[in-house]
Amino acid sequence: MEEIYIGKRANRISGTISKIGYTLIIVVLIFIFWNGVNELSTSNIDKQETSLSEAIDRDIIQCYCLEGVYPPSLDYLEQHYGLIYDKELFFVDYRPIGANIYPDVTIIRIQGDAKKDL
């Protein structure tokens, strides 16, 4: 009788250990999946920022080649050269220095870090 009780107790212990093991495996897999999605999101935002920088540079140079002066504002690039970007994700500080001096352009990520925390 005692052997049956010990056997049942051993089965309960091994069942509990296997449940904990399965739970840990699921938690680790969820963490790995979440971390991968987070890395892809960050990489995508980095690529968008690089693309925006290249588009602004291209439009500034194209404006200078066609008109002989650098664009007076970022709005000018948007209206005449078709510059489009996500204004909720990036802030572009555009400072013209002079008609024949390349403008100072700074791109600041607004929500990139906030989305990273989600």
C-alpha atoms as a PDB file:
ATOM      1  CA  MET A   1       0.000   0.000   0.000  1.00  0.00           C
ATOM      2  CA  GLU A   2       2.833   2.281   0.859  1.00  0.00           C
ATOM      3  CA  GLU A   3       4.418   1.648  -2.555  1.00  0.00           C
ATOM      4  CA  ILE A   4       1.258   2.798  -4.342  1.00  0.00           C
ATOM      5  CA  TYR A   5       1.218   6.043  -2.322  1.00  0.00           C
ATOM      6  CA  ILE A   6       4.896   6.712  -3.098  1.00  0.00           C
ATOM      7  CA  GLY A   7       4.262   5.985  -6.782  1.00  0.00           C
ATOM      8  CA  LYS A   8       1.343   8.408  -6.920  1.00  0.00           C
ATOM      9  CA  ARG A   9       3.393  11.064  -5.135  1.00  0.00           C
ATOM     10  CA  ALA A  10       6.290  10.607  -7.566  1.00  0.00           C
ATOM     11  CA  ASN A  11       3.884  10.902 -10.512  1.00  0.00           C
ATOM     12  CA  ARG A  12       2.461  14.153  -9.085  1.00  0.00           C
ATOM     13  CA  ILE A  13       5.948  15.584  -8.597  1.00  0.00           C
ATOM     14  CA  SER A  14       7.093  14.640 -12.104  1.00  0.00           C
ATOM     15  CA  GLY A  15       3.824  16.010 -13.546  1.00  0.00           C
ATOM     16  CA  THR A  16       4.351  19.313 -11.736  1.00  0.00           C
ATOM     17  CA  ILE A  17       7.957  19.528 -12.910  1.00  0.00           C
ATOM     18  CA  SER A  18       6.950  18.856 -16.511  1.00  0.00           C
ATOM     19  CA  LYS A  19       4.224  21.551 -16.320  1.00  0.00           C
ATOM     20  CA  ILE A  20       6.763  24.047 -14.992  1.00  0.00           C
ATOM     21  CA  GLY A  21       9.187  23.027 -17.736  1.00  0.00           C
ATOM     22  CA  TYR A  22       6.576  23.509 -20.472  1.00  0.00           C
ATOM     23  CA  THR A  23       5.592  26.863 -19.009  1.00  0.00           C
ATOM     24  CA  LEU A  24       9.211  28.010 -18.960  1.00  0.00           C
ATOM     25  CA  ILE A  25       9.688  26.917 -22.584  1.00  0.00           C
ATOM     26  CA  ILE A  26       6.585  28.870 -23.651  1.00  0.00           C
ATOM     27  CA  VAL A  27       7.717  31.973 -21.737  1.00  0.00           C
ATOM     28  CA  VAL A  28      11.180  31.801 -23.333  1.00  0.00           C
ATOM     29  CA  LEU A  29       9.675  31.383 -26.826  1.00  0.00           C
ATOM     30  CA  ILE A  30       7.351  34.349 -26.283  1.00  0.00           C
ATOM     31  CA  PHE A  31      10.279  36.465 -25.090  1.00  0.00           C
ATOM     32  CA  ILE A  32      12.385  35.507 -28.119  1.00  0.00           C
ATOM     33  CA  PHE A  33       9.491  36.302 -30.484  1.00  0.00           C
ATOM     34  CA  TRP A  34       8.788  39.656 -28.802  1.00  0.00           C
ATOM     35  CA  ASN A  35      12.465  40.597 -28.870  1.00  0.00           C
ATOM     36  CA  GLY A  36      12.690  39.753 -32.588  1.00  0.00           C
ATOM     37  CA  VAL A  37       9.632  41.847 -33.444  1.00  0.00           C
ATOM     38  CA  ASN A  38      11.055  44.736 -31.420  1.00  0.00           C
ATOM     39  CA  GLU A  39      14.389  44.536 -33.271  1.00  0.00           C
ATOM     40  CA  LEU A  40      12.621  44.506 -36.652  1.00  0.00           C
ATOM     41  CA  SER A  41      10.589  47.569 -35.674  1.00  0.00           C
ATOM     42  CA  THR A  42      13.697  49.474 -34.593  1.00  0.00           C
ATOM     43  CA  SER A  43      15.523  48.460 -37.760  1.00  0.00           C
ATOM     44  CA  ASN A  44      12.575  49.629 -39.877  1.00  0.00           C
ATOM     45  CA  ILE A  45      12.549  53.068 -38.198  1.00  0.00           C
ATOM     46  CA  ASP A  46      16.315  53.382 -38.720  1.00  0.00           C
ATOM     47  CA  LYS A  47      15.841  52.638 -42.421  1.00  0.00           C
ATOM     48  CA  GLN A  48      13.049  55.218 -42.658  1.00  0.00           C
ATOM     49  CA  GLU A  49      15.311  57.840 -41.080  1.00  0.00           C
ATOM     50  CA  THR A  50      18.120  57.040 -43.522  1.00  0.00           C
ATOM     51  CA  SER A  51      15.709  57.158 -46.451  1.00  0.00           C
ATOM     52  CA  LEU A  52      14.333  60.524 -45.299  1.00  0.00           C
ATOM     53  CA  SER A  53      17.829  61.962 -44.981  1.00  0.00           C
ATOM     54  CA  GLU A  54      18.744  60.790 -48.484  1.00  0.00           C
ATOM     55  CA  ALA A  55      15.467  62.145 -49.937  1.00  0.00           C
ATOM     56  CA  ILE A  56      15.999  65.574 -48.371  1.00  0.00           C
ATOM     57  CA  ASP A  57      19.607  65.720 -49.613  1.00  0.00           C
ATOM     58  CA  ARG A  58      18.521  64.663 -53.097  1.00  0.00           C
ATOM     59  CA  ASP A  59      15.749  67.280 -53.228  1.00  0.00           C
ATOM     60  CA  ILE A  60      18.039  70.053 -51.943  1.00  0.00           C
ATOM     61  CA  ILE A  61      20.658  69.252 -54.582  1.00  0.00           C
ATOM     62  CA  GLN A  62      18.036  68.944 -57.324  1.00  0.00           C
ATOM     63  CA  CYS A  63      16.581  72.336 -56.370  1.00  0.00           C
ATOM     64  CA  TYR A  64      20.028  73.925 -56.461  1.00  0.00           C
ATOM     65  CA  CYS A  65      20.791  72.383 -59.859  1.00  0.00           C
ATOM     66  CA  LEU A  66      17.491  73.480 -61.411  1.00  0.00           C
ATOM     67  CA  GLU A  67      17.000  76.879 -59.773  1.00  0.00           C
ATOM     68  CA  GLY A  68      20.531  77.989 -58.886  1.00  0.00           C
ATOM     69  CA  VAL A  69      19.668  78.531 -55.188  1.00  0.00           C
ATOM     70  CA  TYR A  70      19.060  76.254 -52.261  1.00  0.00           C
ATOM     71  CA  PRO A  71      15.427  75.863 -51.151  1.00  0.00           C
ATOM     72  CA  PRO A  72      14.284  78.560 -48.708  1.00  0.00           C
ATOM     73  CA  SER A  73      12.299  76.152 -46.499  1.00  0.00           C
ATOM     74  CA  LEU A  74      11.235  72.572 -45.970  1.00  0.00           C
ATOM     75  CA  ASP A  75       7.717  73.503 -47.084  1.00  0.00           C
ATOM     76  CA  TYR A  76       9.201  74.586 -50.406  1.00  0.00           C
ATOM     77  CA  LEU A  77      10.659  71.098 -50.865  1.00  0.00           C
ATOM     78  CA  GLU A  78       7.319  69.541 -49.979  1.00  0.00           C
ATOM     79  CA  GLN A  79       5.365  71.726 -52.411  1.00  0.00           C
ATOM     80  CA  HIS A  80       7.744  71.809 -55.387  1.00  0.00           C
ATOM     81  CA  TYR A  81       9.755  68.584 -55.133  1.00  0.00           C
ATOM     82  CA  GLY A  82       7.239  66.160 -53.616  1.00  0.00           C
ATOM     83  CA  LEU A  83       8.993  65.513 -50.304  1.00  0.00           C
ATOM     84  CA  ILE A  84       6.713  63.402 -48.099  1.00  0.00           C
ATOM     85  CA  TYR A  85       7.559  62.005 -44.667  1.00  0.00           C
ATOM     86  CA  ASP A  86       5.838  60.905 -41.459  1.00  0.00           C
ATOM     87  CA  LYS A  87       5.624  64.085 -39.371  1.00  0.00           C
ATOM     88  CA  GLU A  88       4.448  62.133 -36.340  1.00  0.00           C
ATOM     89  CA  LEU A  89       7.601  60.021 -36.408  1.00  0.00           C
ATOM     90  CA  PHE A  90      10.244  62.582 -37.434  1.00  0.00           C
ATOM     91  CA  PHE A  91      10.876  66.263 -36.836  1.00  0.00           C
ATOM     92  CA  VAL A  92      13.016  67.923 -39.513  1.00  0.00           C
ATOM     93  CA  ASP A  93      14.844  71.090 -38.503  1.00  0.00           C
ATOM     94  CA  TYR A  94      15.646  72.908 -41.749  1.00  0.00           C
ATOM     95  CA  ARG A  95      17.744  76.065 -41.471  1.00  0.00           C
ATOM     96  CA  PRO A  96      18.724  77.863 -44.658  1.00  0.00           C
ATOM     97  CA  ILE A  97      22.022  79.691 -44.255  1.00  0.00           C
ATOM     98  CA  GLY A  98      22.106  81.551 -47.553  1.00  0.00           C
ATOM     99  CA  ALA A  99      21.109  81.239 -51.202  1.00  0.00           C
ATOM    100  CA  ASN A 100      24.408  79.597 -52.160  1.00  0.00           C
ATOM    101  CA  ILE A 101      25.281  77.812 -48.904  1.00  0.00           C
ATOM    102  CA  TYR A 102      24.013  74.308 -48.219  1.00  0.00           C
ATOM    103  CA  PRO A 103      21.282  74.463 -45.530  1.00  0.00           C
ATOM    104  CA  ASP A 104      21.624  72.890 -42.095  1.00  0.00           C
ATOM    105  CA  VAL A 105      19.270  69.895 -41.867  1.00  0.00           C
ATOM    106  CA  THR A 106      18.692  67.906 -38.667  1.00  0.00           C
ATOM    107  CA  ILE A 107      16.327  64.943 -38.432  1.00  0.00           C
ATOM    108  CA  ILE A 108      15.025  64.102 -34.960  1.00  0.00           C
ATOM    109  CA  ARG A 109      13.075  60.946 -34.179  1.00  0.00           C
ATOM    110  CA  ILE A 110       9.938  61.836 -32.199  1.00  0.00           C
ATOM    111  CA  GLN A 111       8.212  58.519 -31.438  1.00  0.00           C
ATOM    112  CA  GLY A 112      10.871  55.968 -32.344  1.00  0.00           C
ATOM    113  CA  ASP A 113      11.929  55.449 -28.738  1.00  0.00           C
ATOM    114  CA  ALA A 114       8.337  55.460 -27.454  1.00  0.00           C
ATOM    115  CA  LYS A 115       7.377  52.674 -29.881  1.00  0.00           C
ATOM    116  CA  LYS A 116      10.481  50.780 -28.847  1.00  0.00           C
ATOM    117  CA  ASP A 117       9.186  50.584 -25.267  1.00  0.00           C
ATOM    118  CA  LEU A 118       5.822  49.142 -26.332  1.00  0.00           C
END
